[in-house]
């Protein structure tokens, strides 16, 4: 099973996701979003799954400080802002094959793991 986890070291849900897969003997590839810009193509895969607004962590301090609630910007500008400020993203972003999940989704991760064991 090949799993990529996109997130930051500060995100508790990202830490829990890493632990979830490691406990099941899966060594995930961790992509630290705070270490620099992520490729726009990577983020667009998650946009296709959850929509652009579905990637935004609206309960976080970064969202409040960004003023995005009041701004009217194009999707391209919003995508660029998400790439520059990973704290605005719901974390973790997880990709395994063609499946992409946004945020904490343990039920789906269990299904992915079970499917990989049955294959």
PDB file of N, CA and C in Angstrom:
ATOM      1  N   UNK A   1       0.851  -1.183   0.000  1.00  0.00           N
ATOM      2  CA  UNK A   1       0.000   0.000   0.000  1.00  0.00           C
ATOM      3  C   UNK A   1       0.888   1.235   0.000  1.00  0.00           C
ATOM      4  N   UNK A   2       0.640   2.111  -0.960  1.00  0.00           N
ATOM      5  CA  UNK A   2       1.413   3.343  -1.084  1.00  0.00           C
ATOM      6  C   UNK A   2       0.536   4.512  -0.630  1.00  0.00           C
ATOM      7  N   UNK A   3       0.960   5.206   0.417  1.00  0.00           N
ATOM      8  CA  UNK A   3       0.177   6.302   0.986  1.00  0.00           C
ATOM      9  C   UNK A   3       1.049   7.540   1.076  1.00  0.00           C
ATOM     10  N   UNK A   4       0.504   8.661   0.595  1.00  0.00           N
ATOM     11  CA  UNK A   4       1.160   9.955   0.766  1.00  0.00           C
ATOM     12  C   UNK A   4       0.304  10.781   1.705  1.00  0.00           C
ATOM     13  N   UNK A   5       0.942  11.378   2.701  1.00  0.00           N
ATOM     14  CA  UNK A   5       0.250  12.244   3.643  1.00  0.00           C
ATOM     15  C   UNK A   5       0.840  13.641   3.520  1.00  0.00           C
ATOM     16  N   UNK A   6      -0.013  14.586   3.159  1.00  0.00           N
ATOM     17  CA  UNK A   6       0.380  15.990   3.048  1.00  0.00           C
ATOM     18  C   UNK A   6      -0.130  16.702   4.286  1.00  0.00           C
ATOM     19  N   UNK A   7       0.746  17.422   4.949  1.00  0.00           N
ATOM     20  CA  UNK A   7       0.344  18.153   6.145  1.00  0.00           C
ATOM     21  C   UNK A   7       1.529  18.882   6.737  1.00  0.00           C
ATOM     22  N   UNK A   8       1.349  19.344   7.957  1.00  0.00           N
ATOM     23  CA  UNK A   8       2.434  20.018   8.679  1.00  0.00           C
ATOM     24  C   UNK A   8       2.657  19.309  10.007  1.00  0.00           C
ATOM     25  N   UNK A   9       3.841  19.484  10.545  1.00  0.00           N
ATOM     26  CA  UNK A   9       4.180  18.869  11.829  1.00  0.00           C
ATOM     27  C   UNK A   9       3.332  19.431  12.972  1.00  0.00           C
ATOM     28  N   UNK A  10       2.779  20.616  12.790  1.00  0.00           N
ATOM     29  CA  UNK A  10       1.975  21.244  13.844  1.00  0.00           C
ATOM     30  C   UNK A  10       0.551  20.706  13.895  1.00  0.00           C
ATOM     31  N   UNK A  11       0.112  20.049  12.844  1.00  0.00           N
ATOM     32  CA  UNK A  11      -1.258  19.557  12.768  1.00  0.00           C
ATOM     33  C   UNK A  11      -1.428  18.258  13.557  1.00  0.00           C
ATOM     34  N   UNK A  12      -2.301  18.283  14.559  1.00  0.00           N
ATOM     35  CA  UNK A  12      -2.553  17.092  15.368  1.00  0.00           C
ATOM     36  C   UNK A  12      -3.178  15.981  14.530  1.00  0.00           C
ATOM     37  N   UNK A  13      -4.084  16.337  13.615  1.00  0.00           N
ATOM     38  CA  UNK A  13      -4.715  15.315  12.774  1.00  0.00           C
ATOM     39  C   UNK A  13      -3.701  14.673  11.829  1.00  0.00           C
ATOM     40  N   UNK A  14      -2.732  15.439  11.365  1.00  0.00           N
ATOM     41  CA  UNK A  14      -1.681  14.872  10.517  1.00  0.00           C
ATOM     42  C   UNK A  14      -0.848  13.886  11.320  1.00  0.00           C
ATOM     43  N   UNK A  15      -0.514  14.241  12.536  1.00  0.00           N
ATOM     44  CA  UNK A  15       0.251  13.334  13.398  1.00  0.00           C
ATOM     45  C   UNK A  15      -0.531  12.047  13.643  1.00  0.00           C
ATOM     46  N   UNK A  16      -1.832  12.175  13.889  1.00  0.00           N
ATOM     47  CA  UNK A  16      -2.665  10.997  14.133  1.00  0.00           C
ATOM     48  C   UNK A  16      -2.763  10.130  12.882  1.00  0.00           C
ATOM     49  N   UNK A  17      -2.830  10.746  11.707  1.00  0.00           N
ATOM     50  CA  UNK A  17      -2.889   9.984  10.460  1.00  0.00           C
ATOM     51  C   UNK A  17      -1.588   9.208  10.243  1.00  0.00           C
ATOM     52  N   UNK A  18      -0.464   9.859  10.486  1.00  0.00           N
ATOM     53  CA  UNK A  18       0.825   9.165  10.363  1.00  0.00           C
ATOM     54  C   UNK A  18       0.868   7.959  11.293  1.00  0.00           C
ATOM     55  N   UNK A  19       0.419   8.157  12.526  1.00  0.00           N
ATOM     56  CA  UNK A  19       0.407   7.069  13.505  1.00  0.00           C
ATOM     57  C   UNK A  19      -0.563   5.954  13.073  1.00  0.00           C
ATOM     58  N   UNK A  20      -1.719   6.332  12.547  1.00  0.00           N
ATOM     59  CA  UNK A  20      -2.709   5.353  12.094  1.00  0.00           C
ATOM     60  C   UNK A  20      -2.099   4.371  11.106  1.00  0.00           C
ATOM     61  N   UNK A  21      -1.413   4.893  10.100  1.00  0.00           N
ATOM     62  CA  UNK A  21      -0.845   4.017   9.079  1.00  0.00           C
ATOM     63  C   UNK A  21       0.371   3.261   9.590  1.00  0.00           C
ATOM     64  N   UNK A  22       1.202   3.902  10.375  1.00  0.00           N
ATOM     65  CA  UNK A  22       2.388   3.222  10.910  1.00  0.00           C
ATOM     66  C   UNK A  22       1.993   2.057  11.804  1.00  0.00           C
ATOM     67  N   UNK A  23       0.915   2.213  12.586  1.00  0.00           N
ATOM     68  CA  UNK A  23       0.451   1.133  13.463  1.00  0.00           C
ATOM     69  C   UNK A  23      -0.011  -0.083  12.665  1.00  0.00           C
ATOM     70  N   UNK A  24      -0.358   0.110  11.412  1.00  0.00           N
ATOM     71  CA  UNK A  24      -0.816  -0.972  10.558  1.00  0.00           C
ATOM     72  C   UNK A  24       0.286  -1.475   9.627  1.00  0.00           C
ATOM     73  N   UNK A  25       1.502  -1.060   9.893  1.00  0.00           N
ATOM     74  CA  UNK A  25       2.647  -1.540   9.124  1.00  0.00           C
ATOM     75  C   UNK A  25       2.821  -0.879   7.775  1.00  0.00           C
ATOM     76  N   UNK A  26       2.140   0.232   7.562  1.00  0.00           N
ATOM     77  CA  UNK A  26       2.256   0.969   6.307  1.00  0.00           C
ATOM     78  C   UNK A  26       3.172   2.155   6.558  1.00  0.00           C
ATOM     79  N   UNK A  27       4.209   2.268   5.748  1.00  0.00           N
ATOM     80  CA  UNK A  27       5.118   3.396   5.905  1.00  0.00           C
ATOM     81  C   UNK A  27       4.699   4.494   4.931  1.00  0.00           C
ATOM     82  N   UNK A  28       3.969   5.502   5.425  1.00  0.00           N
ATOM     83  CA  UNK A  28       3.504   6.554   4.527  1.00  0.00           C
ATOM     84  C   UNK A  28       4.638   7.507   4.141  1.00  0.00           C
ATOM     85  N   UNK A  29       4.493   8.090   2.965  1.00  0.00           N
ATOM     86  CA  UNK A  29       5.407   9.150   2.546  1.00  0.00           C
ATOM     87  C   UNK A  29       4.817  10.453   3.060  1.00  0.00           C
ATOM     88  N   UNK A  30       5.551  11.167   3.891  1.00  0.00           N
ATOM     89  CA  UNK A  30       5.071  12.420   4.452  1.00  0.00           C
ATOM     90  C   UNK A  30       5.601  13.587   3.624  1.00  0.00           C
ATOM     91  N   UNK A  31       4.687  14.453   3.192  1.00  0.00           N
ATOM     92  CA  UNK A  31       5.043  15.658   2.453  1.00  0.00           C
ATOM     93  C   UNK A  31       4.727  16.834   3.350  1.00  0.00           C
ATOM     94  N   UNK A  32       5.777  17.488   3.843  1.00  0.00           N
ATOM     95  CA  UNK A  32       5.613  18.619   4.757  1.00  0.00           C
ATOM     96  C   UNK A  32       5.262  19.871   3.966  1.00  0.00           C
ATOM     97  N   UNK A  33       4.040  20.320   4.133  1.00  0.00           N
ATOM     98  CA  UNK A  33       3.569  21.490   3.389  1.00  0.00           C
ATOM     99  C   UNK A  33       4.230  22.779   3.845  1.00  0.00           C
ATOM    100  N   UNK A  34       4.760  22.800   5.060  1.00  0.00           N
ATOM    101  CA  UNK A  34       5.385  24.025   5.556  1.00  0.00           C
ATOM    102  C   UNK A  34       6.818  24.180   5.052  1.00  0.00           C
ATOM    103  N   UNK A  35       7.352  23.155   4.436  1.00  0.00           N
ATOM    104  CA  UNK A  35       8.735  23.195   3.977  1.00  0.00           C
ATOM    105  C   UNK A  35       8.926  23.883   2.644  1.00  0.00           C
ATOM    106  N   UNK A  36       7.917  24.454   2.113  1.00  0.00           N
ATOM    107  CA  UNK A  36       8.020  25.109   0.819  1.00  0.00           C
ATOM    108  C   UNK A  36       6.736  24.906   0.053  1.00  0.00           C
ATOM    109  N   UNK A  37       6.719  25.385  -1.139  1.00  0.00           N
ATOM    110  CA  UNK A  37       5.507  25.287  -1.941  1.00  0.00           C
ATOM    111  C   UNK A  37       5.289  23.855  -2.425  1.00  0.00           C
ATOM    112  N   UNK A  38       4.065  23.438  -2.364  1.00  0.00           N
ATOM    113  CA  UNK A  38       3.654  22.173  -2.939  1.00  0.00           C
ATOM    114  C   UNK A  38       3.322  22.423  -4.408  1.00  0.00           C
ATOM    115  N   UNK A  39       3.504  21.426  -5.221  1.00  0.00           N
ATOM    116  CA  UNK A  39       3.179  21.558  -6.637  1.00  0.00           C
ATOM    117  C   UNK A  39       1.680  21.796  -6.798  1.00  0.00           C
ATOM    118  N   UNK A  40       1.303  22.769  -7.605  1.00  0.00           N
ATOM    119  CA  UNK A  40      -0.128  23.043  -7.805  1.00  0.00           C
ATOM    120  C   UNK A  40      -0.903  21.821  -8.289  1.00  0.00           C
ATOM    121  N   UNK A  41      -0.269  20.968  -9.092  1.00  0.00           N
ATOM    122  CA  UNK A  41      -0.927  19.762  -9.580  1.00  0.00           C
ATOM    123  C   UNK A  41      -1.328  18.831  -8.456  1.00  0.00           C
ATOM    124  N   UNK A  42      -0.491  18.734  -7.434  1.00  0.00           N
ATOM    125  CA  UNK A  42      -0.815  17.898  -6.275  1.00  0.00           C
ATOM    126  C   UNK A  42      -2.065  18.413  -5.574  1.00  0.00           C
ATOM    127  N   UNK A  43      -2.112  19.695  -5.346  1.00  0.00           N
ATOM    128  CA  UNK A  43      -3.250  20.281  -4.647  1.00  0.00           C
ATOM    129  C   UNK A  43      -4.522  20.191  -5.493  1.00  0.00           C
ATOM    130  N   UNK A  44      -4.380  20.283  -6.802  1.00  0.00           N
ATOM    131  CA  UNK A  44      -5.559  20.207  -7.682  1.00  0.00           C
ATOM    132  C   UNK A  44      -6.228  18.843  -7.612  1.00  0.00           C
ATOM    133  N   UNK A  45      -5.472  17.798  -7.331  1.00  0.00           N
ATOM    134  CA  UNK A  45      -6.078  16.470  -7.154  1.00  0.00           C
ATOM    135  C   UNK A  45      -7.047  16.473  -5.979  1.00  0.00           C
ATOM    136  N   UNK A  46      -6.680  17.173  -4.943  1.00  0.00           N
ATOM    137  CA  UNK A  46      -7.561  17.257  -3.776  1.00  0.00           C
ATOM    138  C   UNK A  46      -8.727  18.210  -4.037  1.00  0.00           C
ATOM    139  N   UNK A  47      -8.494  19.227  -4.860  1.00  0.00           N
ATOM    140  CA  UNK A  47      -9.575  20.138  -5.249  1.00  0.00           C
ATOM    141  C   UNK A  47     -10.643  19.356  -6.012  1.00  0.00           C
ATOM    142  N   UNK A  48     -10.233  18.442  -6.875  1.00  0.00           N
ATOM    143  CA  UNK A  48     -11.182  17.623  -7.624  1.00  0.00           C
ATOM    144  C   UNK A  48     -12.016  16.760  -6.688  1.00  0.00           C
ATOM    145  N   UNK A  49     -11.441  16.321  -5.589  1.00  0.00           N
ATOM    146  CA  UNK A  49     -12.148  15.463  -4.638  1.00  0.00           C
ATOM    147  C   UNK A  49     -13.105  16.259  -3.755  1.00  0.00           C
ATOM    148  N   UNK A  50     -12.627  17.347  -3.168  1.00  0.00           N
ATOM    149  CA  UNK A  50     -13.397  18.061  -2.144  1.00  0.00           C
ATOM    150  C   UNK A  50     -13.872  19.436  -2.571  1.00  0.00           C
ATOM    151  N   UNK A  51     -13.431  19.909  -3.726  1.00  0.00           N
ATOM    152  CA  UNK A  51     -13.751  21.272  -4.122  1.00  0.00           C
ATOM    153  C   UNK A  51     -12.795  22.236  -3.435  1.00  0.00           C
ATOM    154  N   UNK A  52     -12.633  23.389  -4.011  1.00  0.00           N
ATOM    155  CA  UNK A  52     -11.680  24.357  -3.469  1.00  0.00           C
ATOM    156  C   UNK A  52     -12.072  24.809  -2.067  1.00  0.00           C
ATOM    157  N   UNK A  53     -13.334  25.103  -1.856  1.00  0.00           N
ATOM    158  CA  UNK A  53     -13.762  25.549  -0.525  1.00  0.00           C
ATOM    159  C   UNK A  53     -13.708  24.401   0.487  1.00  0.00           C
ATOM    160  N   UNK A  54     -13.767  23.149   0.011  1.00  0.00           N
ATOM    161  CA  UNK A  54     -13.670  22.003   0.903  1.00  0.00           C
ATOM    162  C   UNK A  54     -12.278  21.781   1.463  1.00  0.00           C
ATOM    163  N   UNK A  55     -11.284  22.421   0.870  1.00  0.00           N
ATOM    164  CA  UNK A  55      -9.909  22.290   1.365  1.00  0.00           C
ATOM    165  C   UNK A  55      -9.588  23.289   2.466  1.00  0.00           C
ATOM    166  N   UNK A  56     -10.440  24.273   2.645  1.00  0.00           N
ATOM    167  CA  UNK A  56     -10.131  25.357   3.577  1.00  0.00           C
ATOM    168  C   UNK A  56     -10.589  25.008   4.986  1.00  0.00           C
ATOM    169  N   UNK A  57      -9.684  25.155   5.944  1.00  0.00           N
ATOM    170  CA  UNK A  57      -9.992  24.941   7.360  1.00  0.00           C
ATOM    171  C   UNK A  57     -10.590  26.232   7.906  1.00  0.00           C
ATOM    172  N   UNK A  58     -11.897  26.314   7.892  1.00  0.00           N
ATOM    173  CA  UNK A  58     -12.578  27.557   8.252  1.00  0.00           C
ATOM    174  C   UNK A  58     -12.654  27.792   9.754  1.00  0.00           C
ATOM    175  N   UNK A  59     -12.296  26.802  10.556  1.00  0.00           N
ATOM    176  CA  UNK A  59     -12.322  26.964  12.014  1.00  0.00           C
ATOM    177  C   UNK A  59     -10.975  27.385  12.589  1.00  0.00           C
ATOM    178  N   UNK A  60      -9.975  27.514  11.750  1.00  0.00           N
ATOM    179  CA  UNK A  60      -8.636  27.811  12.243  1.00  0.00           C
ATOM    180  C   UNK A  60      -8.335  29.292  12.349  1.00  0.00           C
ATOM    181  N   UNK A  61      -7.288  29.565  13.096  1.00  0.00           N
ATOM    182  CA  UNK A  61      -6.844  30.958  13.271  1.00  0.00           C
ATOM    183  C   UNK A  61      -6.317  31.552  11.973  1.00  0.00           C
ATOM    184  N   UNK A  62      -5.681  30.718  11.154  1.00  0.00           N
ATOM    185  CA  UNK A  62      -5.123  31.223   9.890  1.00  0.00           C
ATOM    186  C   UNK A  62      -6.233  31.741   8.980  1.00  0.00           C
ATOM    187  N   UNK A  63      -7.371  31.078   8.984  1.00  0.00           N
ATOM    188  CA  UNK A  63      -8.498  31.517   8.153  1.00  0.00           C
ATOM    189  C   UNK A  63      -9.023  32.861   8.655  1.00  0.00           C
ATOM    190  N   UNK A  64      -9.165  32.959   9.943  1.00  0.00           N
ATOM    191  CA  UNK A  64      -9.646  34.211  10.537  1.00  0.00           C
ATOM    192  C   UNK A  64      -8.683  35.361  10.229  1.00  0.00           C
ATOM    193  N   UNK A  65      -7.395  35.100  10.357  1.00  0.00           N
ATOM    194  CA  UNK A  65      -6.394  36.141  10.124  1.00  0.00           C
ATOM    195  C   UNK A  65      -6.261  36.503   8.649  1.00  0.00           C
ATOM    196  N   UNK A  66      -6.591  35.561   7.759  1.00  0.00           N
ATOM    197  CA  UNK A  66      -6.408  35.800   6.327  1.00  0.00           C
ATOM    198  C   UNK A  66      -7.457  36.734   5.733  1.00  0.00           C
ATOM    199  N   UNK A  67      -8.602  36.826   6.371  1.00  0.00           N
ATOM    200  CA  UNK A  67      -9.680  37.650   5.838  1.00  0.00           C
ATOM    201  C   UNK A  67     -10.399  37.016   4.661  1.00  0.00           C
ATOM    202  N   UNK A  68     -10.172  35.724   4.406  1.00  0.00           N
ATOM    203  CA  UNK A  68     -10.797  35.060   3.260  1.00  0.00           C
ATOM    204  C   UNK A  68     -12.323  35.062   3.338  1.00  0.00           C
ATOM    205  N   UNK A  69     -12.836  35.140   4.527  1.00  0.00           N
ATOM    206  CA  UNK A  69     -14.292  35.152   4.692  1.00  0.00           C
ATOM    207  C   UNK A  69     -14.921  36.351   3.987  1.00  0.00           C
ATOM    208  N   UNK A  70     -14.167  37.426   3.917  1.00  0.00           N
ATOM    209  CA  UNK A  70     -14.695  38.671   3.366  1.00  0.00           C
ATOM    210  C   UNK A  70     -14.175  38.999   1.963  1.00  0.00           C
ATOM    211  N   UNK A  71     -13.144  38.291   1.533  1.00  0.00           N
ATOM    212  CA  UNK A  71     -12.549  38.573   0.227  1.00  0.00           C
ATOM    213  C   UNK A  71     -13.281  37.844  -0.886  1.00  0.00           C
ATOM    214  N   UNK A  72     -13.343  38.463  -2.020  1.00  0.00           N
ATOM    215  CA  UNK A  72     -13.863  37.833  -3.224  1.00  0.00           C
ATOM    216  C   UNK A  72     -12.704  37.752  -4.206  1.00  0.00           C
ATOM    217  N   UNK A  73     -12.117  36.564  -4.302  1.00  0.00           N
ATOM    218  CA  UNK A  73     -10.972  36.377  -5.183  1.00  0.00           C
ATOM    219  C   UNK A  73     -11.244  35.209  -6.120  1.00  0.00           C
ATOM    220  N   UNK A  74     -10.515  35.170  -7.210  1.00  0.00           N
ATOM    221  CA  UNK A  74     -10.695  34.099  -8.191  1.00  0.00           C
ATOM    222  C   UNK A  74     -10.222  32.767  -7.608  1.00  0.00           C
ATOM    223  N   UNK A  75     -10.656  31.687  -8.220  1.00  0.00           N
ATOM    224  CA  UNK A  75     -10.223  30.360  -7.779  1.00  0.00           C
ATOM    225  C   UNK A  75      -8.715  30.195  -7.898  1.00  0.00           C
ATOM    226  N   UNK A  76      -8.134  30.752  -8.956  1.00  0.00           N
ATOM    227  CA  UNK A  76      -6.680  30.659  -9.125  1.00  0.00           C
ATOM    228  C   UNK A  76      -5.945  31.394  -8.008  1.00  0.00           C
ATOM    229  N   UNK A  77      -6.452  32.570  -7.634  1.00  0.00           N
ATOM    230  CA  UNK A  77      -5.829  33.338  -6.551  1.00  0.00           C
ATOM    231  C   UNK A  77      -5.998  32.609  -5.221  1.00  0.00           C
ATOM    232  N   UNK A  78      -7.153  31.980  -5.023  1.00  0.00           N
ATOM    233  CA  UNK A  78      -7.382  31.230  -3.787  1.00  0.00           C
ATOM    234  C   UNK A  78      -6.469  30.011  -3.732  1.00  0.00           C
ATOM    235  N   UNK A  79      -6.314  29.323  -4.840  1.00  0.00           N
ATOM    236  CA  UNK A  79      -5.412  28.176  -4.893  1.00  0.00           C
ATOM    237  C   UNK A  79      -3.982  28.598  -4.577  1.00  0.00           C
ATOM    238  N   UNK A  80      -3.563  29.726  -5.119  1.00  0.00           N
ATOM    239  CA  UNK A  80      -2.218  30.242  -4.846  1.00  0.00           C
ATOM    240  C   UNK A  80      -2.056  30.573  -3.362  1.00  0.00           C
ATOM    241  N   UNK A  81      -3.088  31.148  -2.771  1.00  0.00           N
ATOM    242  CA  UNK A  81      -3.022  31.476  -1.351  1.00  0.00           C
ATOM    243  C   UNK A  81      -2.927  30.209  -0.489  1.00  0.00           C
ATOM    244  N   UNK A  82      -3.649  29.163  -0.886  1.00  0.00           N
ATOM    245  CA  UNK A  82      -3.572  27.891  -0.159  1.00  0.00           C
ATOM    246  C   UNK A  82      -2.179  27.274  -0.279  1.00  0.00           C
ATOM    247  N   UNK A  83      -1.570  27.412  -1.444  1.00  0.00           N
ATOM    248  CA  UNK A  83      -0.217  26.898  -1.639  1.00  0.00           C
ATOM    249  C   UNK A  83       0.797  27.654  -0.785  1.00  0.00           C
ATOM    250  N   UNK A  84       0.592  28.959  -0.636  1.00  0.00           N
ATOM    251  CA  UNK A  84       1.522  29.791   0.132  1.00  0.00           C
ATOM    252  C   UNK A  84       1.314  29.672   1.635  1.00  0.00           C
ATOM    253  N   UNK A  85       0.081  29.367   2.062  1.00  0.00           N
ATOM    254  CA  UNK A  85      -0.249  29.330   3.484  1.00  0.00           C
ATOM    255  C   UNK A  85      -0.887  27.988   3.820  1.00  0.00           C
ATOM    256  N   UNK A  86      -0.088  26.954   4.088  1.00  0.00           N
ATOM    257  CA  UNK A  86      -0.640  25.626   4.342  1.00  0.00           C
ATOM    258  C   UNK A  86      -1.531  25.552   5.583  1.00  0.00           C
ATOM    259  N   UNK A  87      -1.413  26.508   6.499  1.00  0.00           N
ATOM    260  CA  UNK A  87      -2.269  26.505   7.685  1.00  0.00           C
ATOM    261  C   UNK A  87      -3.737  26.724   7.322  1.00  0.00           C
ATOM    262  N   UNK A  88      -4.005  27.206   6.114  1.00  0.00           N
ATOM    263  CA  UNK A  88      -5.384  27.396   5.661  1.00  0.00           C
ATOM    264  C   UNK A  88      -6.031  26.080   5.221  1.00  0.00           C
ATOM    265  N   UNK A  89      -5.229  25.041   5.003  1.00  0.00           N
ATOM    266  CA  UNK A  89      -5.728  23.768   4.497  1.00  0.00           C
ATOM    267  C   UNK A  89      -6.243  22.871   5.614  1.00  0.00           C
ATOM    268  N   UNK A  90      -7.326  22.140   5.323  1.00  0.00           N
ATOM    269  CA  UNK A  90      -7.738  21.054   6.209  1.00  0.00           C
ATOM    270  C   UNK A  90      -6.651  19.999   6.095  1.00  0.00           C
ATOM    271  N   UNK A  91      -6.239  19.497   7.216  1.00  0.00           N
ATOM    272  CA  UNK A  91      -5.178  18.506   7.211  1.00  0.00           C
ATOM    273  C   UNK A  91      -5.639  17.287   7.979  1.00  0.00           C
ATOM    274  N   UNK A  92      -5.136  16.148   7.610  1.00  0.00           N
ATOM    275  CA  UNK A  92      -4.179  15.836   6.562  1.00  0.00           C
ATOM    276  C   UNK A  92      -4.864  15.672   5.208  1.00  0.00           C
ATOM    277  N   UNK A  93      -4.075  15.823   4.170  1.00  0.00           N
ATOM    278  CA  UNK A  93      -4.491  15.477   2.816  1.00  0.00           C
ATOM    279  C   UNK A  93      -3.809  14.148   2.525  1.00  0.00           C
ATOM    280  N   UNK A  94      -4.593  13.130   2.194  1.00  0.00           N
ATOM    281  CA  UNK A  94      -4.036  11.788   2.014  1.00  0.00           C
ATOM    282  C   UNK A  94      -4.393  11.270   0.639  1.00  0.00           C
ATOM    283  N   UNK A  95      -3.377  10.691  -0.003  1.00  0.00           N
ATOM    284  CA  UNK A  95      -3.577  10.103  -1.319  1.00  0.00           C
ATOM    285  C   UNK A  95      -3.035   8.693  -1.318  1.00  0.00           C
ATOM    286  N   UNK A  96      -3.838   7.788  -1.813  1.00  0.00           N
ATOM    287  CA  UNK A  96      -3.424   6.401  -1.990  1.00  0.00           C
ATOM    288  C   UNK A  96      -3.987   5.938  -3.329  1.00  0.00           C
ATOM    289  N   UNK A  97      -3.125   5.806  -4.312  1.00  0.00           N
ATOM    290  CA  UNK A  97      -3.585   5.467  -5.648  1.00  0.00           C
ATOM    291  C   UNK A  97      -4.475   6.573  -6.194  1.00  0.00           C
ATOM    292  N   UNK A  98      -5.680   6.200  -6.623  1.00  0.00           N
ATOM    293  CA  UNK A  98      -6.617   7.183  -7.168  1.00  0.00           C
ATOM    294  C   UNK A  98      -7.498   7.806  -6.097  1.00  0.00           C
ATOM    295  N   UNK A  99      -7.369   7.338  -4.860  1.00  0.00           N
ATOM    296  CA  UNK A  99      -8.205   7.841  -3.767  1.00  0.00           C
ATOM    297  C   UNK A  99      -7.524   9.000  -3.063  1.00  0.00           C
ATOM    298  N   UNK A 100      -8.284  10.058  -2.836  1.00  0.00           N
ATOM    299  CA  UNK A 100      -7.770  11.224  -2.119  1.00  0.00           C
ATOM    300  C   UNK A 100      -8.772  11.592  -1.034  1.00  0.00           C
ATOM    301  N   UNK A 101      -8.265  11.858   0.165  1.00  0.00           N
ATOM    302  CA  UNK A 101      -9.128  12.273   1.266  1.00  0.00           C
ATOM    303  C   UNK A 101      -8.625  13.589   1.837  1.00  0.00           C
ATOM    304  N   UNK A 102      -9.558  14.355   2.363  1.00  0.00           N
ATOM    305  CA  UNK A 102      -9.250  15.657   2.945  1.00  0.00           C
ATOM    306  C   UNK A 102      -9.732  15.647   4.385  1.00  0.00           C
ATOM    307  N   UNK A 103      -8.812  15.931   5.300  1.00  0.00           N
ATOM    308  CA  UNK A 103      -9.172  15.965   6.707  1.00  0.00           C
ATOM    309  C   UNK A 103      -9.221  14.569   7.306  1.00  0.00           C
ATOM    310  N   UNK A 104      -9.652  14.509   8.552  1.00  0.00           N
ATOM    311  CA  UNK A 104      -9.691  13.253   9.295  1.00  0.00           C
ATOM    312  C   UNK A 104     -10.820  12.380   8.749  1.00  0.00           C
ATOM    313  N   UNK A 105     -10.502  11.169   8.261  1.00  0.00           N
ATOM    314  CA  UNK A 105     -11.500  10.246   7.723  1.00  0.00           C
ATOM    315  C   UNK A 105     -11.056   8.816   8.002  1.00  0.00           C
ATOM    316  N   UNK A 106     -11.046   8.454   9.266  1.00  0.00           N
ATOM    317  CA  UNK A 106     -10.529   7.154   9.682  1.00  0.00           C
ATOM    318  C   UNK A 106     -11.302   5.998   9.054  1.00  0.00           C
ATOM    319  N   UNK A 107     -12.608   6.136   8.889  1.00  0.00           N
ATOM    320  CA  UNK A 107     -13.411   5.060   8.297  1.00  0.00           C
ATOM    321  C   UNK A 107     -12.938   4.739   6.875  1.00  0.00           C
ATOM    322  N   UNK A 108     -12.694   5.762   6.084  1.00  0.00           N
ATOM    323  CA  UNK A 108     -12.216   5.545   4.720  1.00  0.00           C
ATOM    324  C   UNK A 108     -10.809   4.965   4.728  1.00  0.00           C
ATOM    325  N   UNK A 109      -9.973   5.404   5.639  1.00  0.00           N
ATOM    326  CA  UNK A 109      -8.609   4.872   5.718  1.00  0.00           C
ATOM    327  C   UNK A 109      -8.638   3.389   6.062  1.00  0.00           C
ATOM    328  N   UNK A 110      -9.540   3.005   6.959  1.00  0.00           N
ATOM    329  CA  UNK A 110      -9.677   1.584   7.310  1.00  0.00           C
ATOM    330  C   UNK A 110     -10.108   0.779   6.089  1.00  0.00           C
ATOM    331  N   UNK A 111     -11.035   1.343   5.302  1.00  0.00           N
ATOM    332  CA  UNK A 111     -11.472   0.663   4.087  1.00  0.00           C
ATOM    333  C   UNK A 111     -10.324   0.524   3.088  1.00  0.00           C
ATOM    334  N   UNK A 112      -9.529   1.586   2.926  1.00  0.00           N
ATOM    335  CA  UNK A 112      -8.363   1.515   2.036  1.00  0.00           C
ATOM    336  C   UNK A 112      -7.383   0.433   2.481  1.00  0.00           C
ATOM    337  N   UNK A 113      -7.144   0.392   3.783  1.00  0.00           N
ATOM    338  CA  UNK A 113      -6.210  -0.596   4.323  1.00  0.00           C
ATOM    339  C   UNK A 113      -6.745  -1.998   4.109  1.00  0.00           C
ATOM    340  N   UNK A 114      -8.038  -2.207   4.397  1.00  0.00           N
ATOM    341  CA  UNK A 114      -8.639  -3.531   4.227  1.00  0.00           C
ATOM    342  C   UNK A 114      -8.604  -3.957   2.758  1.00  0.00           C
ATOM    343  N   UNK A 115      -8.870  -3.026   1.851  1.00  0.00           N
ATOM    344  CA  UNK A 115      -8.827  -3.346   0.427  1.00  0.00           C
ATOM    345  C   UNK A 115      -7.424  -3.706  -0.020  1.00  0.00           C
ATOM    346  N   UNK A 116      -6.411  -3.043   0.542  1.00  0.00           N
ATOM    347  CA  UNK A 116      -5.039  -3.371   0.156  1.00  0.00           C
ATOM    348  C   UNK A 116      -4.635  -4.743   0.681  1.00  0.00           C
ATOM    349  N   UNK A 117      -5.179  -5.146   1.812  1.00  0.00           N
ATOM    350  CA  UNK A 117      -4.869  -6.464   2.366  1.00  0.00           C
ATOM    351  C   UNK A 117      -5.576  -7.569   1.594  1.00  0.00           C
ATOM    352  N   UNK A 118      -6.758  -7.238   1.057  1.00  0.00           N
ATOM    353  CA  UNK A 118      -7.517  -8.229   0.293  1.00  0.00           C
ATOM    354  C   UNK A 118      -7.032  -8.390  -1.137  1.00  0.00           C
ATOM    355  N   UNK A 119      -6.237  -7.448  -1.591  1.00  0.00           N
ATOM    356  CA  UNK A 119      -5.777  -7.482  -2.990  1.00  0.00           C
ATOM    357  C   UNK A 119      -4.638  -8.426  -3.192  1.00  0.00           C
TER     358      UNK A 119
END
